[in-house]
Protein backbone atom coordinates (compact mmCIF):
# COMPACT_ATOMS: atom_id res chain seq x y z
CA MET A 1 0.00 0.00 0.00
CA ARG A 2 2.84 2.38 0.90
CA ARG A 3 4.58 1.70 -2.42
CA PHE A 4 1.29 2.35 -4.26
CA ARG A 5 0.86 5.72 -2.50
CA ILE A 6 4.39 6.78 -3.49
CA THR A 7 3.85 5.76 -7.11
CA ALA A 8 0.54 7.62 -7.23
CA ALA A 9 2.21 10.74 -5.87
CA ILE A 10 4.91 10.58 -8.53
CA TRP A 11 2.33 10.35 -11.29
CA ALA A 12 0.31 13.21 -9.79
CA VAL A 13 3.34 15.50 -9.75
CA THR A 14 4.28 14.46 -13.30
CA LEU A 15 0.80 15.26 -14.61
CA MET A 16 0.84 18.64 -12.88
CA LEU A 17 4.20 19.53 -14.46
CA LEU A 18 3.40 18.43 -18.01
CA PRO A 19 1.31 21.55 -18.78
CA LEU A 20 4.42 23.57 -17.94
CA ALA A 21 6.91 21.46 -19.84
CA LEU A 22 4.98 20.97 -23.10
CA PRO A 23 4.22 24.63 -23.89
CA ALA A 24 7.77 25.46 -22.89
CA ALA A 25 9.12 22.96 -25.41
CA ALA A 26 6.82 24.35 -28.13
CA ALA A 27 7.88 27.92 -27.39
CA ASP A 28 11.50 26.87 -27.51
CA GLY A 29 10.94 25.45 -30.99
CA LEU A 30 9.65 28.83 -32.10
CA GLY A 31 12.63 30.45 -30.44
CA ALA A 32 14.88 28.29 -32.61
CA VAL A 33 13.01 29.54 -35.69
CA ARG A 34 13.66 33.12 -34.62
CA ASP A 35 17.34 32.41 -34.09
CA ALA A 36 17.61 30.74 -37.50
CA THR A 37 15.93 33.63 -39.32
CA ARG A 38 17.34 36.55 -37.34
CA ASP A 39 19.75 37.60 -40.11
CA PHE A 40 16.91 37.59 -42.66
CA ARG A 41 15.52 40.77 -41.17
CA ASP A 42 17.99 42.18 -43.67
CA VAL A 43 16.47 41.45 -47.10
CA ALA A 44 19.93 41.35 -48.67
CA ALA A 45 20.89 38.49 -46.36
CA ALA A 46 17.70 36.61 -47.30
CA GLU A 47 18.43 37.06 -50.99
CA ALA A 48 22.01 35.86 -50.51
CA ALA A 49 20.56 32.69 -48.90
CA GLY A 50 18.41 31.95 -51.96
CA TYR A 51 15.13 33.72 -51.14
CA ALA A 52 13.51 35.88 -53.82
CA ILE A 53 10.21 37.34 -54.96
CA LEU A 54 8.52 35.23 -57.64
CA GLU A 55 8.19 37.93 -60.27
CA GLY A 56 5.45 37.56 -62.83
CA THR A 57 3.18 35.71 -60.41
CA PRO A 58 0.54 36.91 -57.91
CA LEU A 59 3.10 36.26 -55.17
CA GLU A 60 5.17 39.23 -56.27
CA GLU A 61 2.47 41.42 -54.70
CA CYS A 62 1.76 41.99 -51.03
CA ILE A 63 -0.99 39.51 -50.13
CA ASP A 64 -3.96 40.64 -48.04
CA GLU A 65 -7.56 39.65 -47.39
CA PRO A 66 -10.23 42.31 -46.65
CA GLY A 67 -11.67 41.79 -43.19
CA GLU A 68 -8.95 39.33 -42.18
CA GLY A 69 -5.72 41.32 -42.42
CA ALA A 70 -2.62 40.63 -44.44
CA MET A 71 0.15 38.12 -44.98
CA GLY A 72 2.63 40.37 -46.72
CA VAL A 73 5.34 40.07 -49.36
CA HIS A 74 6.73 36.55 -49.80
CA LEU A 75 10.36 35.82 -50.56
CA ILE A 76 10.53 32.17 -51.56
CA ASN A 77 13.42 29.72 -51.72
CA GLY A 78 12.77 27.65 -54.83
CA ASP A 79 15.13 24.85 -53.83
CA LEU A 80 13.37 24.37 -50.49
CA VAL A 81 9.88 24.49 -52.00
CA GLY A 82 10.88 21.90 -54.57
CA ASP A 83 11.59 19.14 -52.04
CA THR A 84 9.44 17.35 -49.46
CA VAL A 85 11.70 18.08 -46.48
CA LEU A 86 10.21 20.20 -43.70
CA ASP A 87 12.63 21.74 -41.20
CA PRO A 88 11.44 24.45 -38.76
CA THR A 89 14.76 26.28 -39.02
CA THR A 90 14.76 26.40 -42.84
CA PRO A 91 11.36 27.79 -43.88
CA GLU A 92 10.47 27.71 -47.55
CA ALA A 93 9.33 31.34 -47.50
CA LEU A 94 9.96 34.53 -45.55
CA VAL A 95 7.13 37.04 -45.17
CA TYR A 96 7.66 40.81 -45.02
CA ILE A 97 5.44 43.89 -44.91
CA PRO A 98 6.26 47.11 -46.75
CA ARG A 99 7.32 50.26 -44.90
CA ALA A 100 6.63 53.80 -46.03
CA ASP A 101 10.29 54.27 -46.95
CA GLY A 102 10.11 51.37 -49.40
CA SER A 103 11.97 48.87 -47.19
CA LEU A 104 10.56 45.56 -45.98
CA ARG A 105 10.14 44.34 -42.39
CA LEU A 106 10.27 40.60 -41.60
CA VAL A 107 7.11 39.47 -39.81
CA ALA A 108 6.68 35.73 -40.38
CA VAL A 109 7.96 32.54 -41.94
CA GLU A 110 5.99 30.10 -44.04
CA TYR A 111 6.43 26.37 -44.56
CA VAL A 112 5.36 25.03 -47.96
CA VAL A 113 5.30 21.63 -49.64
CA PHE A 114 3.49 20.70 -52.86
CA ALA A 115 0.58 18.34 -52.21
CA GLU A 116 1.20 15.95 -55.10
CA ALA A 117 4.78 15.20 -54.04
CA TRP A 118 3.89 14.93 -50.35
CA ASP A 119 0.79 12.77 -50.81
CA ALA A 120 2.68 10.39 -53.10
CA ALA A 121 5.05 9.50 -50.28
CA ASN A 122 2.91 10.03 -47.17
CA ALA A 123 -0.47 8.76 -45.95
CA THR A 124 -1.19 11.76 -43.72
CA PRO A 125 -0.95 15.54 -44.17
CA PRO A 126 2.34 17.18 -43.15
CA GLN A 127 2.88 18.65 -39.70
CA ILE A 128 5.46 21.09 -38.42
CA LEU A 129 5.97 22.76 -35.04
CA GLY A 130 3.22 20.51 -33.70
CA HIS A 131 0.58 21.81 -36.13
CA GLU A 132 -0.99 20.23 -39.19
CA MET A 133 -0.34 22.26 -42.32
CA HIS A 134 -3.24 23.75 -44.31
CA LEU A 135 -4.12 22.40 -47.74
CA ILE A 136 -4.53 25.06 -50.44
CA SER A 137 -6.31 23.29 -53.28
CA GLU A 138 -6.09 24.10 -56.97
CA PRO A 139 -7.07 26.50 -58.51
CA ASN A 140 -5.99 29.20 -56.06
CA ARG A 141 -5.21 32.91 -56.04
CA TYR A 142 -1.48 32.19 -56.17
CA GLU A 143 -1.73 30.27 -59.48
CA LEU A 144 0.19 27.36 -57.97
CA PRO A 145 -0.44 23.61 -57.90
CA ALA A 146 -2.15 22.39 -54.73
CA PHE A 147 0.13 22.80 -51.73
CA TYR A 148 0.28 22.54 -47.95
CA GLU A 149 1.37 25.60 -45.98
CA LEU A 150 1.70 26.97 -42.47
CA HIS A 151 2.64 30.46 -41.32
CA ALA A 152 4.45 31.15 -38.07
CA TRP A 153 4.39 34.80 -36.96
CA VAL A 154 7.66 34.68 -35.06
CA TRP A 155 8.61 38.31 -35.78
CA GLN A 156 5.21 39.96 -35.34
CA ASP A 157 2.45 39.57 -32.76
CA ASN A 158 -0.71 38.16 -34.31
CA PRO A 159 -3.96 38.50 -32.33
CA SER A 160 -5.51 35.83 -34.57
CA GLY A 161 -2.91 33.29 -33.45
CA MET A 162 0.71 32.36 -34.06
CA PHE A 163 -0.16 29.99 -36.95
CA ASN A 164 -3.06 31.85 -38.55
CA ASP A 165 -2.59 32.74 -42.22
CA TRP A 166 -3.84 36.32 -41.78
CA ASN A 167 -2.71 38.98 -39.34
CA PRO A 168 -5.08 41.92 -38.68
CA ASP A 169 -2.21 43.92 -37.19
CA VAL A 170 -0.28 44.22 -40.45
CA SER A 171 -1.16 45.96 -43.70
CA CYS A 172 -0.04 45.98 -47.31
CA ASP A 173 -0.58 49.74 -47.43
CA PRO A 174 2.80 51.32 -46.65
CA SER A 175 1.17 54.73 -46.22
CA LEU A 176 -0.49 53.53 -43.01
CA PRO A 177 1.55 54.07 -39.83
CA ASP A 178 3.24 50.95 -38.51
CA THR A 179 1.66 50.84 -35.07
CA SER A 180 2.22 47.14 -34.46
CA THR A 181 4.48 45.99 -31.66
CA SER A 182 6.59 43.83 -34.00
CA ALA A 183 7.39 41.78 -30.91
CA GLY A 184 6.54 38.31 -32.18
CA LEU A 185 8.02 35.91 -29.67
CA ALA A 186 10.07 38.70 -28.15
CA GLY A 187 7.18 39.55 -25.87
CA GLN A 188 7.04 35.94 -24.68
CA LEU A 189 10.67 34.84 -24.62
CA PRO A 190 14.05 36.30 -23.75
CA GLU A 191 16.35 36.97 -26.72
CA HIS A 192 17.70 33.41 -26.88
CA GLY A 193 14.68 31.53 -25.53
CA ALA A 194 15.96 30.97 -21.98
CA ALA A 195 12.48 30.90 -20.44
CA PRO A 196 11.33 27.66 -22.12
CA TRP A 197 14.54 25.86 -21.14
CA LEU A 198 14.15 27.11 -17.57
CA ALA A 199 10.56 25.90 -17.26
CA SER A 200 11.26 22.59 -18.95
CA GLY A 201 14.42 22.05 -16.91
CA LEU A 202 12.61 22.82 -13.68
CA ALA A 203 9.86 20.34 -14.49
CA THR A 204 12.41 17.65 -15.35
CA ALA A 205 14.40 18.30 -12.17
CA LEU A 206 11.33 18.00 -9.97
CA ILE A 207 10.30 14.73 -11.61
CA VAL A 208 13.80 13.28 -11.17
CA ALA A 209 13.84 14.39 -7.53
CA MET A 210 10.53 12.64 -6.91
CA LEU A 211 11.79 9.45 -8.53
CA LEU A 212 15.00 9.44 -6.46
CA ALA A 213 13.05 10.05 -3.27
CA ALA A 214 10.72 7.17 -4.10
CA ARG A 215 13.67 4.86 -4.81
CA ARG A 216 15.21 5.61 -1.43
CA ARG A 217 11.90 4.93 0.31
CA TRP A 218 11.48 1.65 -1.54
CA ALA A 219 14.99 0.65 -0.45
CA ASP A 220 14.17 1.44 3.20
CA ALA A 221 10.80 -0.31 3.11
């Protein structure tokens, strides 16, 4: 009976700590995306890494949706879009919004994979950062074959949600004042994502401590 009570206590503590550890791990994944794309706030650095506007297509324009908000201007890496590999730290597209001075400000990343290639090799839709990607069927406003995509607003707060396609706080009209916080994860995490590691590490340490205490009690029983 005593051993059962100890085991039950361990599981109770573990279940209480999981809500802390899991969001922390997810936030840390987004922190890694920010770290990987930090240099791409400079458009020249993004272009040097293979990202470019797809001229002659609807994607060369700033994309918005009346009543929903905007996405922005997409710089796309053709080599990354052309494969079926999804890596959070190497997004297929970078999303910017125009400033009044003609420059672009990085606000989000986008993960993209063509549906035909993915479905031919996989039985389920793609997921990344713990979220299922959205299917954009054909025909579509982008004049592209059917594809899966997911935005992550890691450089701009989005009241509609981190992974929502549209952000009501950004605009394609550069004449409008940029009143957004442009915080993205910065309002949730320290510069290098220390908070998620701290929370996750604390949860792990407490679980280990409980297990060691239980082992000693079992030895003394």
